[in-house]
C-alpha atoms as a PDB file:
ATOM      1  CA  MET A   1     -10.447 -14.400   5.013  1.00  0.00           C
ATOM      2  CA  CYS A   2     -10.123 -17.652   6.931  1.00  0.00           C
ATOM      3  CA  GLY A   3     -13.454 -17.157   8.680  1.00  0.00           C
ATOM      4  CA  GLY A   4     -12.756 -13.548   9.590  1.00  0.00           C
ATOM      5  CA  GLY A   5     -15.408 -10.894   9.598  1.00  0.00           C
ATOM      6  CA  PHE A   6     -15.642  -7.182   8.965  1.00  0.00           C
ATOM      7  CA  ASP A   7     -13.100  -6.197  11.648  1.00  0.00           C
ATOM      8  CA  GLU A   8     -10.516  -8.597  10.279  1.00  0.00           C
ATOM      9  CA  ILE A   9     -11.033  -7.270   6.755  1.00  0.00           C
ATOM     10  CA  ILE A  10     -10.769  -3.615   7.797  1.00  0.00           C
ATOM     11  CA  HIS A  11      -7.633  -4.148   9.846  1.00  0.00           C
ATOM     12  CA  THR A  12      -6.074  -6.312   7.132  1.00  0.00           C
ATOM     13  CA  VAL A  13      -6.609  -3.515   4.604  1.00  0.00           C
ATOM     14  CA  VAL A  14      -5.050  -0.913   6.886  1.00  0.00           C
ATOM     15  CA  ASN A  15      -2.082  -3.163   7.692  1.00  0.00           C
ATOM     16  CA  ALA A  16      -1.519  -3.979   4.016  1.00  0.00           C
ATOM     17  CA  LEU A  17      -1.707  -0.301   3.035  1.00  0.00           C
ATOM     18  CA  ALA A  18       0.774   0.612   5.743  1.00  0.00           C
ATOM     19  CA  ILE A  19       3.191  -1.947   4.324  1.00  0.00           C
ATOM     20  CA  THR A  20       2.764  -1.248   0.592  1.00  0.00           C
ATOM     21  CA  SER A  21       1.894   2.450   0.337  1.00  0.00           C
ATOM     22  CA  GLY A  22       5.452   3.289  -0.704  1.00  0.00           C
ATOM     23  CA  ILE A  23       5.428   1.080  -3.781  1.00  0.00           C
ATOM     24  CA  VAL A  24       5.895   3.209  -6.885  1.00  0.00           C
ATOM     25  CA  CYS A  25       4.445   2.323 -10.265  1.00  0.00           C
ATOM     26  CA  ASP A  26       7.172   2.801 -12.844  1.00  0.00           C
ATOM     27  CA  GLY A  27       5.378   1.508 -15.910  1.00  0.00           C
ATOM     28  CA  ALA A  28       7.547  -1.585 -16.241  1.00  0.00           C
ATOM     29  CA  LYS A  29       5.305  -4.552 -16.862  1.00  0.00           C
ATOM     30  CA  ALA A  30       7.510  -7.245 -15.292  1.00  0.00           C
ATOM     31  CA  SER A  31       8.055  -5.298 -12.097  1.00  0.00           C
ATOM     32  CA  CYS A  32       4.326  -4.517 -11.915  1.00  0.00           C
ATOM     33  CA  ALA A  33       3.624  -8.234 -11.608  1.00  0.00           C
ATOM     34  CA  ALA A  34       6.158  -8.458  -8.793  1.00  0.00           C
ATOM     35  CA  LYS A  35       4.561  -5.461  -7.077  1.00  0.00           C
ATOM     36  CA  ILE A  36       1.155  -7.132  -7.279  1.00  0.00           C
ATOM     37  CA  ALA A  37       2.661 -10.233  -5.698  1.00  0.00           C
ATOM     38  CA  ALA A  38       4.186  -8.064  -2.962  1.00  0.00           C
ATOM     39  CA  ALA A  39       0.780  -6.463  -2.327  1.00  0.00           C
ATOM     40  CA  VAL A  40      -0.867  -9.885  -2.032  1.00  0.00           C
ATOM     41  CA  ASP A  41       1.880 -10.929   0.352  1.00  0.00           C
ATOM     42  CA  ALA A  42       1.309  -7.733   2.359  1.00  0.00           C
ATOM     43  CA  GLY A  43      -2.378  -8.602   2.595  1.00  0.00           C
ATOM     44  CA  ILE A  44      -1.543 -12.028   3.983  1.00  0.00           C
ATOM     45  CA  LEU A  45       0.978 -10.522   6.395  1.00  0.00           C
ATOM     46  CA  GLY A  46      -1.521  -7.819   7.403  1.00  0.00           C
ATOM     47  CA  TYR A  47      -4.143 -10.438   8.198  1.00  0.00           C
ATOM     48  CA  ASN A  48      -1.724 -12.592  10.170  1.00  0.00           C
ATOM     49  CA  MET A  49      -0.578  -9.538  12.110  1.00  0.00           C
ATOM     50  CA  TYR A  50      -4.119  -8.621  13.067  1.00  0.00           C
ATOM     51  CA  ILE A  51      -5.201 -12.084  14.184  1.00  0.00           C
ATOM     52  CA  ARG A  52      -2.104 -12.156  16.400  1.00  0.00           C
ATOM     53  CA  GLY A  53      -2.957  -8.815  18.008  1.00  0.00           C
ATOM     54  CA  GLN A  54      -0.578  -6.658  15.979  1.00  0.00           C
ATOM     55  CA  GLN A  55      -1.655  -3.765  13.813  1.00  0.00           C
ATOM     56  CA  PHE A  56      -0.590  -0.384  12.567  1.00  0.00           C
ATOM     57  CA  ARG A  57      -2.328   2.476  14.336  1.00  0.00           C
ATOM     58  CA  ALA A  58      -3.162   6.089  13.603  1.00  0.00           C
ATOM     59  CA  GLY A  59       0.065   8.046  13.443  1.00  0.00           C
ATOM     60  CA  ASP A  60       2.103   5.161  12.013  1.00  0.00           C
ATOM     61  CA  GLY A  61       3.135   6.863   8.783  1.00  0.00           C
ATOM     62  CA  ILE A  62       0.112   7.581   6.608  1.00  0.00           C
ATOM     63  CA  VAL A  63      -2.143   5.323   8.663  1.00  0.00           C
ATOM     64  CA  THR A  64      -4.943   7.198  10.362  1.00  0.00           C
ATOM     65  CA  LYS A  65      -8.022   6.144  12.278  1.00  0.00           C
ATOM     66  CA  GLY A  66     -10.199   3.941  10.101  1.00  0.00           C
ATOM     67  CA  ALA A  67      -9.705   2.157   6.814  1.00  0.00           C
ATOM     68  CA  ASP A  68     -11.604   4.778   4.790  1.00  0.00           C
ATOM     69  CA  ALA A  69      -9.412   7.617   6.066  1.00  0.00           C
ATOM     70  CA  THR A  70      -6.258   5.581   5.477  1.00  0.00           C
ATOM     71  CA  ILE A  71      -7.394   4.805   1.919  1.00  0.00           C
ATOM     72  CA  ARG A  72      -7.982   8.548   1.395  1.00  0.00           C
ATOM     73  CA  ASN A  73      -4.414   9.200   2.557  1.00  0.00           C
ATOM     74  CA  VAL A  74      -3.070   6.696   0.030  1.00  0.00           C
ATOM     75  CA  GLY A  75      -5.136   8.408  -2.679  1.00  0.00           C
ATOM     76  CA  ARG A  76      -3.780  11.791  -1.637  1.00  0.00           C
ATOM     77  CA  LEU A  77      -0.248  10.440  -1.724  1.00  0.00           C
ATOM     78  CA  GLY A  78      -0.800   9.056  -5.213  1.00  0.00           C
ATOM     79  CA  LYS A  79      -2.539  12.144  -6.570  1.00  0.00           C
ATOM     80  CA  ASN A  80      -0.513  14.941  -5.000  1.00  0.00           C
ATOM     81  CA  GLY A  81       2.675  13.390  -3.748  1.00  0.00           C
ATOM     82  CA  MET A  82       3.622  11.503  -6.882  1.00  0.00           C
ATOM     83  CA  LYS A  83       3.449  14.347  -9.415  1.00  0.00           C
ATOM     84  CA  GLU A  84       7.169  15.048  -9.400  1.00  0.00           C
ATOM     85  CA  THR A  85       7.966  11.357  -8.961  1.00  0.00           C
ATOM     86  CA  ASN A  86       6.104  10.548 -12.167  1.00  0.00           C
ATOM     87  CA  ASP A  87       8.117  13.142 -14.089  1.00  0.00           C
ATOM     88  CA  GLU A  88      11.337  11.765 -12.625  1.00  0.00           C
ATOM     89  CA  ILE A  89      10.430   8.171 -13.557  1.00  0.00           C
ATOM     90  CA  ILE A  90       9.708   9.230 -17.136  1.00  0.00           C
ATOM     91  CA  ASP A  91      13.035  11.065 -17.304  1.00  0.00           C
ATOM     92  CA  ILE A  92      14.859   7.998 -16.000  1.00  0.00           C
ATOM     93  CA  MET A  93      13.115   5.706 -18.483  1.00  0.00           C
ATOM     94  CA  VAL A  94      13.750   7.990 -21.471  1.00  0.00           C
ATOM     95  CA  ASN A  95      17.308   9.041 -20.712  1.00  0.00           C
ATOM     96  CA  ASN A  96      18.834   5.943 -19.128  1.00  0.00           C
ATOM     97  CA  CYS A  97      18.211   3.350 -21.816  1.00  0.00           C
END
């Protein structure tokens, strides 16, 4: 973390989640690797944003006050919000080959 401490880590996580929370897992192995690379890049961007005084704040999309609450929102999005998306992805994969 380039010498950063707890605050830098927390804000980096929130920034990275704000950037990547819309990434959808579609079960395609090659694109999963690219999505991991995008997440790493988002972490680097999130850190650089924070050390330059820029950050996402509560109310910016699913970001809320605190990293733990923002992580809970991402979990909620994945658990509840992606149910129909998962079915749709499977339908696309099965019927569009």
